Amino acid sequence: MSKDCIICGSNIPPHTTEEGVVYWEGGHNAEPYASGRCCDLCHGEYVLPARLKQMKEERYGEKWKPIEFKTT
């Protein structure tokens, strides 16, 4: 069962044990960043930060402001 990441389009590899036994082939839930399944990299880079941001906004509302990084 091969799936493509909804975010980057790459193939989602299965998760395997050290012995090579496949135990999960479904990728990660990409909500709230996107609707569908995503790879490990996009889950960490995009989905988890989006979930944390959403949780903070729901909890703190207008009081919470994201940090803006300035580049030189």
PDB file of N, CA and C in Angstrom:
ATOM      1  N   MET A   1       0.856  -1.180   0.000  1.00  0.00           N
ATOM      2  CA  MET A   1       0.000   0.000   0.000  1.00  0.00           C
ATOM      3  C   MET A   1       0.901   1.242   0.000  1.00  0.00           C
ATOM      4  N   SER A   2       0.926   1.946  -1.091  1.00  0.00           N
ATOM      5  CA  SER A   2       1.782   3.124  -1.220  1.00  0.00           C
ATOM      6  C   SER A   2       0.920   4.382  -1.272  1.00  0.00           C
ATOM      7  N   LYS A   3       1.284   5.354  -0.460  1.00  0.00           N
ATOM      8  CA  LYS A   3       0.559   6.622  -0.431  1.00  0.00           C
ATOM      9  C   LYS A   3       1.540   7.750  -0.632  1.00  0.00           C
ATOM     10  N   ASP A   4       1.037   8.861  -1.127  1.00  0.00           N
ATOM     11  CA  ASP A   4       1.860  10.048  -1.302  1.00  0.00           C
ATOM     12  C   ASP A   4       1.480  11.093  -0.258  1.00  0.00           C
ATOM     13  N   CYS A   5       2.474  11.824   0.202  1.00  0.00           N
ATOM     14  CA  CYS A   5       2.270  12.887   1.179  1.00  0.00           C
ATOM     15  C   CYS A   5       1.449  14.003   0.549  1.00  0.00           C
ATOM     16  N   ILE A   6       0.409  14.435   1.225  1.00  0.00           N
ATOM     17  CA  ILE A   6      -0.465  15.499   0.736  1.00  0.00           C
ATOM     18  C   ILE A   6       0.263  16.845   0.714  1.00  0.00           C
ATOM     19  N   ILE A   7       1.322  16.998   1.480  1.00  0.00           N
ATOM     20  CA  ILE A   7       2.028  18.275   1.580  1.00  0.00           C
ATOM     21  C   ILE A   7       3.162  18.364   0.565  1.00  0.00           C
ATOM     22  N   CYS A   8       4.066  17.394   0.561  1.00  0.00           N
ATOM     23  CA  CYS A   8       5.241  17.484  -0.329  1.00  0.00           C
ATOM     24  C   CYS A   8       5.148  16.590  -1.559  1.00  0.00           C
ATOM     25  N   GLY A   9       4.212  15.645  -1.552  1.00  0.00           N
ATOM     26  CA  GLY A   9       4.037  14.766  -2.697  1.00  0.00           C
ATOM     27  C   GLY A   9       4.943  13.555  -2.728  1.00  0.00           C
ATOM     28  N   SER A  10       5.846  13.422  -1.766  1.00  0.00           N
ATOM     29  CA  SER A  10       6.745  12.262  -1.764  1.00  0.00           C
ATOM     30  C   SER A  10       6.010  11.012  -1.292  1.00  0.00           C
ATOM     31  N   ASN A  11       6.582   9.860  -1.591  1.00  0.00           N
ATOM     32  CA  ASN A  11       6.019   8.593  -1.161  1.00  0.00           C
ATOM     33  C   ASN A  11       6.155   8.468   0.350  1.00  0.00           C
ATOM     34  N   ILE A  12       5.105   8.016   1.013  1.00  0.00           N
ATOM     35  CA  ILE A  12       5.139   7.821   2.469  1.00  0.00           C
ATOM     36  C   ILE A  12       5.658   6.414   2.739  1.00  0.00           C
ATOM     37  N   PRO A  13       6.879   6.303   3.292  1.00  0.00           N
ATOM     38  CA  PRO A  13       7.417   4.972   3.552  1.00  0.00           C
ATOM     39  C   PRO A  13       6.740   4.331   4.756  1.00  0.00           C
ATOM     40  N   PRO A  14       6.653   2.995   4.756  1.00  0.00           N
ATOM     41  CA  PRO A  14       6.051   2.320   5.917  1.00  0.00           C
ATOM     42  C   PRO A  14       6.979   2.386   7.127  1.00  0.00           C
ATOM     43  N   HIS A  15       6.395   2.299   8.304  1.00  0.00           N
ATOM     44  CA  HIS A  15       7.172   2.196   9.536  1.00  0.00           C
ATOM     45  C   HIS A  15       7.443   0.716   9.782  1.00  0.00           C
ATOM     46  N   THR A  16       8.702   0.410  10.103  1.00  0.00           N
ATOM     47  CA  THR A  16       9.086  -0.985  10.304  1.00  0.00           C
ATOM     48  C   THR A  16       9.816  -1.163  11.633  1.00  0.00           C
ATOM     49  N   THR A  17       9.804  -2.391  12.109  1.00  0.00           N
ATOM     50  CA  THR A  17      10.575  -2.735  13.299  1.00  0.00           C
ATOM     51  C   THR A  17      12.038  -2.889  12.888  1.00  0.00           C
ATOM     52  N   GLU A  18      12.923  -3.089  13.847  1.00  0.00           N
ATOM     53  CA  GLU A  18      14.342  -3.313  13.553  1.00  0.00           C
ATOM     54  C   GLU A  18      14.546  -4.564  12.699  1.00  0.00           C
ATOM     55  N   GLU A  19      13.605  -5.506  12.801  1.00  0.00           N
ATOM     56  CA  GLU A  19      13.695  -6.741  12.016  1.00  0.00           C
ATOM     57  C   GLU A  19      13.134  -6.570  10.608  1.00  0.00           C
ATOM     58  N   GLY A  20      12.593  -5.387  10.308  1.00  0.00           N
ATOM     59  CA  GLY A  20      12.049  -5.128   8.979  1.00  0.00           C
ATOM     60  C   GLY A  20      10.575  -5.436   8.811  1.00  0.00           C
ATOM     61  N   VAL A  21       9.892  -5.754   9.903  1.00  0.00           N
ATOM     62  CA  VAL A  21       8.469  -6.058   9.844  1.00  0.00           C
ATOM     63  C   VAL A  21       7.681  -4.748   9.800  1.00  0.00           C
ATOM     64  N   VAL A  22       6.828  -4.620   8.795  1.00  0.00           N
ATOM     65  CA  VAL A  22       6.012  -3.416   8.654  1.00  0.00           C
ATOM     66  C   VAL A  22       4.902  -3.439   9.700  1.00  0.00           C
ATOM     67  N   TYR A  23       4.791  -2.344  10.474  1.00  0.00           N
ATOM     68  CA  TYR A  23       3.722  -2.265  11.463  1.00  0.00           C
ATOM     69  C   TYR A  23       2.779  -1.097  11.208  1.00  0.00           C
ATOM     70  N   TRP A  24       3.122  -0.189  10.277  1.00  0.00           N
ATOM     71  CA  TRP A  24       2.229   0.919   9.954  1.00  0.00           C
ATOM     72  C   TRP A  24       2.571   1.466   8.579  1.00  0.00           C
ATOM     73  N   GLU A  25       1.548   1.637   7.745  1.00  0.00           N
ATOM     74  CA  GLU A  25       1.760   2.139   6.391  1.00  0.00           C
ATOM     75  C   GLU A  25       0.968   3.402   6.095  1.00  0.00           C
ATOM     76  N   GLY A  26       0.277   3.941   7.076  1.00  0.00           N
ATOM     77  CA  GLY A  26      -0.666   5.010   6.795  1.00  0.00           C
ATOM     78  C   GLY A  26      -0.149   6.431   6.894  1.00  0.00           C
ATOM     79  N   GLY A  27       1.088   6.651   7.264  1.00  0.00           N
ATOM     80  CA  GLY A  27       1.563   8.021   7.430  1.00  0.00           C
ATOM     81  C   GLY A  27       0.905   8.680   8.625  1.00  0.00           C
ATOM     82  N   HIS A  28       0.875  10.005   8.610  1.00  0.00           N
ATOM     83  CA  HIS A  28       0.310  10.774   9.722  1.00  0.00           C
ATOM     84  C   HIS A  28      -0.889  11.581   9.247  1.00  0.00           C
ATOM     85  N   ASN A  29      -1.776  11.899  10.166  1.00  0.00           N
ATOM     86  CA  ASN A  29      -2.890  12.793   9.884  1.00  0.00           C
ATOM     87  C   ASN A  29      -2.318  14.191   9.682  1.00  0.00           C
ATOM     88  N   ALA A  30      -2.609  14.832   8.569  1.00  0.00           N
ATOM     89  CA  ALA A  30      -2.026  16.137   8.251  1.00  0.00           C
ATOM     90  C   ALA A  30      -2.860  17.318   8.757  1.00  0.00           C
ATOM     91  N   GLU A  31      -3.968  17.066   9.426  1.00  0.00           N
ATOM     92  CA  GLU A  31      -4.791  18.151   9.950  1.00  0.00           C
ATOM     93  C   GLU A  31      -4.069  18.859  11.089  1.00  0.00           C
ATOM     94  N   PRO A  32      -4.132  20.115  11.275  1.00  0.00           N
ATOM     95  CA  PRO A  32      -4.939  21.105  10.566  1.00  0.00           C
ATOM     96  C   PRO A  32      -4.206  21.757   9.391  1.00  0.00           C
ATOM     97  N   TYR A  33      -3.003  21.315   9.082  1.00  0.00           N
ATOM     98  CA  TYR A  33      -2.227  21.944   8.015  1.00  0.00           C
ATOM     99  C   TYR A  33      -2.803  21.630   6.638  1.00  0.00           C
ATOM    100  N   ALA A  34      -3.215  20.379   6.451  1.00  0.00           N
ATOM    101  CA  ALA A  34      -3.787  19.942   5.174  1.00  0.00           C
ATOM    102  C   ALA A  34      -4.766  18.807   5.450  1.00  0.00           C
ATOM    103  N   SER A  35      -5.544  18.477   4.459  1.00  0.00           N
ATOM    104  CA  SER A  35      -6.522  17.406   4.590  1.00  0.00           C
ATOM    105  C   SER A  35      -5.983  16.167   3.880  1.00  0.00           C
ATOM    106  N   GLY A  36      -5.595  15.162   4.649  1.00  0.00           N
ATOM    107  CA  GLY A  36      -5.050  13.942   4.078  1.00  0.00           C
ATOM    108  C   GLY A  36      -3.975  13.360   4.966  1.00  0.00           C
ATOM    109  N   ARG A  37      -3.069  12.595   4.370  1.00  0.00           N
ATOM    110  CA  ARG A  37      -1.999  11.935   5.098  1.00  0.00           C
ATOM    111  C   ARG A  37      -0.664  12.554   4.709  1.00  0.00           C
ATOM    112  N   CYS A  38       0.290  12.554   5.639  1.00  0.00           N
ATOM    113  CA  CYS A  38       1.595  13.158   5.348  1.00  0.00           C
ATOM    114  C   CYS A  38       2.737  12.262   5.810  1.00  0.00           C
ATOM    115  N   CYS A  39       3.932  12.562   5.305  1.00  0.00           N
ATOM    116  CA  CYS A  39       5.137  11.811   5.657  1.00  0.00           C
ATOM    117  C   CYS A  39       5.675  12.290   7.018  1.00  0.00           C
ATOM    118  N   ASP A  40       6.662  11.574   7.527  1.00  0.00           N
ATOM    119  CA  ASP A  40       7.263  11.910   8.822  1.00  0.00           C
ATOM    120  C   ASP A  40       7.853  13.320   8.823  1.00  0.00           C
ATOM    121  N   LEU A  41       8.567  13.678   7.756  1.00  0.00           N
ATOM    122  CA  LEU A  41       9.220  14.982   7.694  1.00  0.00           C
ATOM    123  C   LEU A  41       8.195  16.118   7.742  1.00  0.00           C
ATOM    124  N   CYS A  42       7.173  16.049   6.917  1.00  0.00           N
ATOM    125  CA  CYS A  42       6.159  17.111   6.902  1.00  0.00           C
ATOM    126  C   CYS A  42       5.356  17.142   8.193  1.00  0.00           C
ATOM    127  N   HIS A  43       5.188  15.991   8.815  1.00  0.00           N
ATOM    128  CA  HIS A  43       4.490  15.948  10.100  1.00  0.00           C
ATOM    129  C   HIS A  43       5.234  16.781  11.133  1.00  0.00           C
ATOM    130  N   GLY A  44       6.555  16.639  11.171  1.00  0.00           N
ATOM    131  CA  GLY A  44       7.361  17.397  12.129  1.00  0.00           C
ATOM    132  C   GLY A  44       7.562  18.846  11.745  1.00  0.00           C
ATOM    133  N   GLU A  45       7.706  19.118  10.464  1.00  0.00           N
ATOM    134  CA  GLU A  45       8.013  20.468   9.994  1.00  0.00           C
ATOM    135  C   GLU A  45       6.791  21.375   9.883  1.00  0.00           C
ATOM    136  N   TYR A  46       5.635  20.833   9.548  1.00  0.00           N
ATOM    137  CA  TYR A  46       4.457  21.651   9.274  1.00  0.00           C
ATOM    138  C   TYR A  46       3.253  21.350  10.169  1.00  0.00           C
ATOM    139  N   VAL A  47       2.926  20.068  10.317  1.00  0.00           N
ATOM    140  CA  VAL A  47       1.694  19.700  11.018  1.00  0.00           C
ATOM    141  C   VAL A  47       1.780  19.961  12.517  1.00  0.00           C
ATOM    142  N   LEU A  48       2.833  19.477  13.173  1.00  0.00           N
ATOM    143  CA  LEU A  48       2.936  19.690  14.620  1.00  0.00           C
ATOM    144  C   LEU A  48       2.990  21.169  14.994  1.00  0.00           C
ATOM    145  N   PRO A  49       3.791  22.009  14.304  1.00  0.00           N
ATOM    146  CA  PRO A  49       3.747  23.434  14.625  1.00  0.00           C
ATOM    147  C   PRO A  49       2.357  24.050  14.413  1.00  0.00           C
ATOM    148  N   ALA A  50       1.640  23.611  13.384  1.00  0.00           N
ATOM    149  CA  ALA A  50       0.288  24.131  13.139  1.00  0.00           C
ATOM    150  C   ALA A  50      -0.658  23.729  14.263  1.00  0.00           C
ATOM    151  N   ARG A  51      -0.511  22.516  14.757  1.00  0.00           N
ATOM    152  CA  ARG A  51      -1.355  22.067  15.874  1.00  0.00           C
ATOM    153  C   ARG A  51      -1.058  22.848  17.152  1.00  0.00           C
ATOM    154  N   LEU A  52       0.219  23.074  17.422  1.00  0.00           N
ATOM    155  CA  LEU A  52       0.576  23.848  18.613  1.00  0.00           C
ATOM    156  C   LEU A  52       0.047  25.277  18.513  1.00  0.00           C
ATOM    157  N   LYS A  53       0.177  25.883  17.351  1.00  0.00           N
ATOM    158  CA  LYS A  53      -0.334  27.236  17.137  1.00  0.00           C
ATOM    159  C   LYS A  53      -1.843  27.269  17.346  1.00  0.00           C
ATOM    160  N   GLN A  54      -2.546  26.290  16.792  1.00  0.00           N
ATOM    161  CA  GLN A  54      -3.995  26.219  16.935  1.00  0.00           C
ATOM    162  C   GLN A  54      -4.394  26.055  18.407  1.00  0.00           C
ATOM    163  N   MET A  55      -3.681  25.209  19.128  1.00  0.00           N
ATOM    164  CA  MET A  55      -3.985  25.007  20.548  1.00  0.00           C
ATOM    165  C   MET A  55      -3.777  26.286  21.345  1.00  0.00           C
ATOM    166  N   LYS A  56      -2.684  27.000  21.074  1.00  0.00           N
ATOM    167  CA  LYS A  56      -2.414  28.252  21.782  1.00  0.00           C
ATOM    168  C   LYS A  56      -3.458  29.305  21.463  1.00  0.00           C
ATOM    169  N   GLU A  57      -3.858  29.401  20.208  1.00  0.00           N
ATOM    170  CA  GLU A  57      -4.881  30.382  19.833  1.00  0.00           C
ATOM    171  C   GLU A  57      -6.219  30.072  20.487  1.00  0.00           C
ATOM    172  N   GLU A  58      -6.574  28.773  20.557  1.00  0.00           N
ATOM    173  CA  GLU A  58      -7.830  28.383  21.195  1.00  0.00           C
ATOM    174  C   GLU A  58      -7.797  28.665  22.693  1.00  0.00           C
ATOM    175  N   ARG A  59      -6.652  28.463  23.301  1.00  0.00           N
ATOM    176  CA  ARG A  59      -6.550  28.649  24.743  1.00  0.00           C
ATOM    177  C   ARG A  59      -6.412  30.114  25.139  1.00  0.00           C
ATOM    178  N   TYR A  60      -5.558  30.842  24.434  1.00  0.00           N
ATOM    179  CA  TYR A  60      -5.239  32.206  24.842  1.00  0.00           C
ATOM    180  C   TYR A  60      -5.882  33.279  23.972  1.00  0.00           C
ATOM    181  N   GLY A  61      -6.426  32.910  22.853  1.00  0.00           N
ATOM    182  CA  GLY A  61      -7.094  33.874  21.986  1.00  0.00           C
ATOM    183  C   GLY A  61      -6.180  34.997  21.553  1.00  0.00           C
ATOM    184  N   GLU A  62      -6.664  36.200  21.689  1.00  0.00           N
ATOM    185  CA  GLU A  62      -5.925  37.384  21.250  1.00  0.00           C
ATOM    186  C   GLU A  62      -4.698  37.677  22.111  1.00  0.00           C
ATOM    187  N   LYS A  63      -4.641  37.106  23.303  1.00  0.00           N
ATOM    188  CA  LYS A  63      -3.503  37.372  24.193  1.00  0.00           C
ATOM    189  C   LYS A  63      -2.220  36.739  23.672  1.00  0.00           C
ATOM    190  N   TRP A  64      -2.357  35.703  22.844  1.00  0.00           N
ATOM    191  CA  TRP A  64      -1.175  34.997  22.354  1.00  0.00           C
ATOM    192  C   TRP A  64      -0.761  35.557  21.007  1.00  0.00           C
ATOM    193  N   LYS A  65       0.474  35.924  20.901  1.00  0.00           N
ATOM    194  CA  LYS A  65       1.027  36.428  19.640  1.00  0.00           C
ATOM    195  C   LYS A  65       2.233  35.572  19.276  1.00  0.00           C
ATOM    196  N   PRO A  66       2.295  35.079  18.046  1.00  0.00           N
ATOM    197  CA  PRO A  66       3.469  34.293  17.657  1.00  0.00           C
ATOM    198  C   PRO A  66       4.724  35.160  17.628  1.00  0.00           C
ATOM    199  N   ILE A  67       5.843  34.524  17.883  1.00  0.00           N
ATOM    200  CA  ILE A  67       7.136  35.223  17.853  1.00  0.00           C
ATOM    201  C   ILE A  67       7.512  35.497  16.409  1.00  0.00           C
ATOM    202  N   GLU A  68       7.909  36.704  16.128  1.00  0.00           N
ATOM    203  CA  GLU A  68       8.359  37.047  14.784  1.00  0.00           C
ATOM    204  C   GLU A  68       9.871  37.148  14.797  1.00  0.00           C
ATOM    205  N   PHE A  69      10.501  36.334  13.978  1.00  0.00           N
ATOM    206  CA  PHE A  69      11.951  36.342  13.894  1.00  0.00           C
ATOM    207  C   PHE A  69      12.387  37.325  12.831  1.00  0.00           C
ATOM    208  N   LYS A  70      13.363  38.153  13.159  1.00  0.00           N
ATOM    209  CA  LYS A  70      13.869  39.132  12.217  1.00  0.00           C
ATOM    210  C   LYS A  70      15.144  38.593  11.590  1.00  0.00           C
ATOM    211  N   THR A  71      15.230  38.725  10.293  1.00  0.00           N
ATOM    212  CA  THR A  71      16.439  38.306   9.600  1.00  0.00           C
ATOM    213  C   THR A  71      17.209  39.536   9.167  1.00  0.00           C
ATOM    214  N   THR A  72      18.515  39.426   9.155  1.00  0.00           N
ATOM    215  CA  THR A  72      19.332  40.564   8.771  1.00  0.00           C
ATOM    216  C   THR A  72      19.983  40.355   7.422  1.00  0.00           C
TER     217      THR A  72
END
